[in-house]
Structures are given as structure tokens and as C-alpha cells.
Amino acid sequence: MPPLPLSFSRCRNSAVLWAALWAALSAAPLLLAGCGHALPAIAGFDAPAWRSDPYACHNRRAALFAPLLAARETLYEARADDVNALLGPPDEEELRANTEKVYYYYLRPGTQCNAGHVRSAAPRFSLRFGPLGTVTEVLADPL
């Protein structure tokens, strides 16, 4: 078979290149959206009551905590946005190296209830997020 003319060869290679580029760009959102999972409803957990007690200053969170602790396995690999939707914004957030962060939610009233919300030794619920923005560790101080 005789070789193809140079101009036809270039067009064919260009079409293959564009097809490969289109396939790669089409798959990118699917790969990025695949990190983590949405949080299911947690039986017995009153999320609105939890969110309405920032810094645990109204002393409601300790009573609400048992169902959340029992369902701690469902929190692993959850995305930060889903955690915020469930628990509200964290009382404290710690940023670490390599884009890791920790959310802290107080469980009992303490010095964090004073003006300025100074860090307290009161019991806390901690969620650690890895570089992909999903929960990698769930910790709870004893009540």
C-alpha cells in the first residue's frame, strides 16, 4: 500500500489527538466528583438542634452526641461540604500541612463560650480531613 500524502496523515493524527483530549477532559469532572460520599441521614441525630448550639454554650450537644458517635463509621470519607451541611460550621478549624485540616466541635460549655471564643479544654468532637478533602479520622474526647 502506498504511503498516505503528508497532509492527510497530519489530519488523521490531529483528529486522534483531539479525540483523546476530549475524552480526557470529559472524564475529569467524573474523577474529581468521585472523591468522598454524601452523608446519609443519621438515625436519632437531631442535626438542626446541634447546629443551633454553637460552641456548645447552651449545653445541648452532649445529649445529642450519642447517635452521632454510634454512626461514626458513616462519617469516614465524607466530604467537608457534607459535614458542614450536617453539623454546621466547625467551632474551630485547624489547617495543617499538605492541605489537611481538622474540624473541632465542642460538646460541653467551657471558656470557649466567653467573648472571643478562646480555645477551651472542654470535650470536643474532632474530624480530620485528608488532602482530598474527605474525613480520614473521627475522634471524640470523653464526656
Protein backbone atom coordinates (compact mmCIF):
# COMPACT_ATOMS: atom_id res chain seq x y z
CA MET A 1 0.00 0.00 0.00
CA PRO A 2 1.43 3.39 -0.92
CA PRO A 3 2.11 5.88 1.87
CA LEU A 4 -0.57 8.44 2.56
CA PRO A 5 0.03 12.01 1.50
CA LEU A 6 1.59 14.07 4.26
CA SER A 7 -1.39 16.42 4.61
CA PHE A 8 -3.85 13.52 5.10
CA SER A 9 -1.52 11.93 7.66
CA ARG A 10 -1.41 15.18 9.66
CA CYS A 11 -5.21 15.50 9.68
CA ARG A 12 -5.66 11.94 10.85
CA ASN A 13 -3.14 12.42 13.69
CA SER A 14 -4.77 15.69 14.63
CA ALA A 15 -8.21 14.07 14.80
CA VAL A 16 -6.87 11.29 17.01
CA LEU A 17 -5.19 13.85 19.26
CA TRP A 18 -8.40 15.91 19.58
CA ALA A 19 -10.45 12.78 20.31
CA ALA A 20 -8.04 11.75 23.08
CA LEU A 21 -8.02 15.27 24.54
CA TRP A 22 -11.84 15.43 24.51
CA ALA A 23 -12.10 12.03 26.23
CA ALA A 24 -9.63 13.08 28.94
CA LEU A 25 -11.39 16.39 29.63
CA SER A 26 -14.80 14.72 29.68
CA ALA A 27 -13.68 12.23 32.32
CA ALA A 28 -12.01 14.82 34.61
CA PRO A 29 -15.21 16.01 36.37
CA LEU A 30 -16.21 12.41 37.00
CA LEU A 31 -12.87 11.65 38.60
CA LEU A 32 -12.98 14.75 40.80
CA ALA A 33 -16.58 14.14 41.84
CA GLY A 34 -15.72 10.57 42.80
CA CYS A 35 -13.81 11.60 45.94
CA GLY A 36 -15.81 11.01 49.09
CA HIS A 37 -19.52 10.37 49.51
CA ALA A 38 -22.66 12.14 50.59
CA LEU A 39 -23.74 11.62 54.18
CA PRO A 40 -26.89 9.61 54.79
CA ALA A 41 -29.35 10.67 57.47
CA ILE A 42 -28.17 9.53 60.91
CA ALA A 43 -30.96 7.83 62.84
CA GLY A 44 -31.74 9.57 66.13
CA PHE A 45 -29.44 12.54 65.46
CA ASP A 46 -31.10 15.97 65.61
CA ALA A 47 -28.86 17.97 63.25
CA PRO A 48 -30.82 21.26 63.49
CA ALA A 49 -30.56 21.19 67.30
CA TRP A 50 -26.80 20.50 67.02
CA ARG A 51 -26.30 23.40 64.63
CA SER A 52 -28.34 25.73 66.88
CA ASP A 53 -25.86 25.21 69.75
CA PRO A 54 -22.59 26.73 68.50
CA TYR A 55 -19.61 26.18 70.81
CA ALA A 56 -21.96 24.00 72.96
CA CYS A 57 -22.74 27.07 75.05
CA HIS A 58 -26.39 26.02 75.52
CA ASN A 59 -25.22 22.59 76.73
CA ARG A 60 -27.36 20.63 74.22
CA ARG A 61 -24.67 18.90 72.20
CA ALA A 62 -23.64 16.33 74.82
CA ALA A 63 -27.18 14.90 74.83
CA LEU A 64 -27.25 14.85 71.01
CA PHE A 65 -23.84 13.22 70.65
CA ALA A 66 -24.61 9.50 71.27
CA PRO A 67 -26.30 8.80 67.88
CA LEU A 68 -23.55 10.70 66.06
CA LEU A 69 -20.83 8.71 67.81
CA ALA A 70 -22.66 5.44 67.10
CA ALA A 71 -22.73 6.34 63.39
CA ARG A 72 -19.09 7.46 63.25
CA GLU A 73 -18.24 4.89 60.55
CA THR A 74 -20.57 6.70 58.12
CA LEU A 75 -18.51 9.88 58.56
CA TYR A 76 -15.33 8.35 57.10
CA GLU A 77 -14.67 9.52 53.53
CA ALA A 78 -17.43 12.15 53.77
CA ARG A 79 -16.72 15.44 52.03
CA ALA A 80 -16.20 18.66 54.01
CA ASP A 81 -19.24 20.30 52.41
CA ASP A 82 -21.45 17.42 53.52
CA VAL A 83 -20.06 17.59 57.06
CA ASN A 84 -20.79 21.35 57.11
CA ALA A 85 -24.35 20.68 55.92
CA LEU A 86 -24.88 18.11 58.69
CA LEU A 87 -23.05 19.68 61.66
CA GLY A 88 -22.78 23.32 60.65
CA PRO A 89 -19.51 25.23 60.51
CA PRO A 90 -16.88 23.97 62.95
CA ASP A 91 -16.36 25.77 66.24
CA GLU A 92 -12.63 25.74 65.46
CA GLU A 93 -10.69 24.79 62.36
CA GLU A 94 -7.02 23.90 62.26
CA LEU A 95 -5.14 23.95 58.98
CA ARG A 96 -2.22 21.58 58.65
CA ALA A 97 0.49 20.86 56.11
CA ASN A 98 -0.37 19.20 52.79
CA THR A 99 -3.87 20.74 52.66
CA GLU A 100 -5.07 18.71 55.64
CA LYS A 101 -7.44 20.26 58.17
CA VAL A 102 -9.22 19.42 61.40
CA TYR A 103 -12.73 20.48 62.42
CA TYR A 104 -13.47 20.79 66.14
CA TYR A 105 -16.96 20.81 67.63
CA TYR A 106 -17.30 21.41 71.38
CA LEU A 107 -19.54 19.05 73.34
CA ARG A 108 -19.84 20.89 76.68
CA PRO A 109 -19.71 24.58 77.70
CA GLY A 110 -16.34 25.98 78.71
CA THR A 111 -14.15 29.03 78.24
CA GLN A 112 -14.96 28.94 74.52
CA CYS A 113 -18.34 30.48 75.49
CA ASN A 114 -16.66 33.67 76.72
CA ALA A 115 -16.14 36.67 74.47
CA GLY A 116 -13.57 35.91 71.80
CA HIS A 117 -14.23 32.14 71.93
CA VAL A 118 -10.84 31.32 73.44
CA ARG A 119 -9.77 27.70 72.93
CA SER A 120 -11.02 25.56 75.78
CA ALA A 121 -10.16 22.25 77.44
CA ALA A 122 -13.85 21.25 77.21
CA PRO A 123 -14.54 17.92 75.48
CA ARG A 124 -14.55 18.13 71.68
CA PHE A 125 -15.54 16.07 68.68
CA SER A 126 -12.81 16.17 66.01
CA LEU A 127 -12.92 15.36 62.31
CA ARG A 128 -9.66 15.19 60.37
CA PHE A 129 -9.71 15.73 56.62
CA GLY A 130 -7.03 14.43 54.28
CA PRO A 131 -5.63 16.13 51.17
CA LEU A 132 -8.63 15.02 49.10
CA GLY A 133 -11.00 16.91 51.43
CA THR A 134 -12.61 13.81 52.90
CA VAL A 135 -12.80 12.63 56.51
CA THR A 136 -9.89 10.34 57.43
CA GLU A 137 -10.21 10.26 61.21
CA VAL A 138 -13.04 10.69 63.72
CA LEU A 139 -12.08 11.40 67.35
CA ALA A 140 -14.10 12.18 70.46
CA ASP A 141 -12.96 13.34 73.88
CA PRO A 142 -14.63 11.53 76.79
CA LEU A 143 -17.69 13.33 78.12
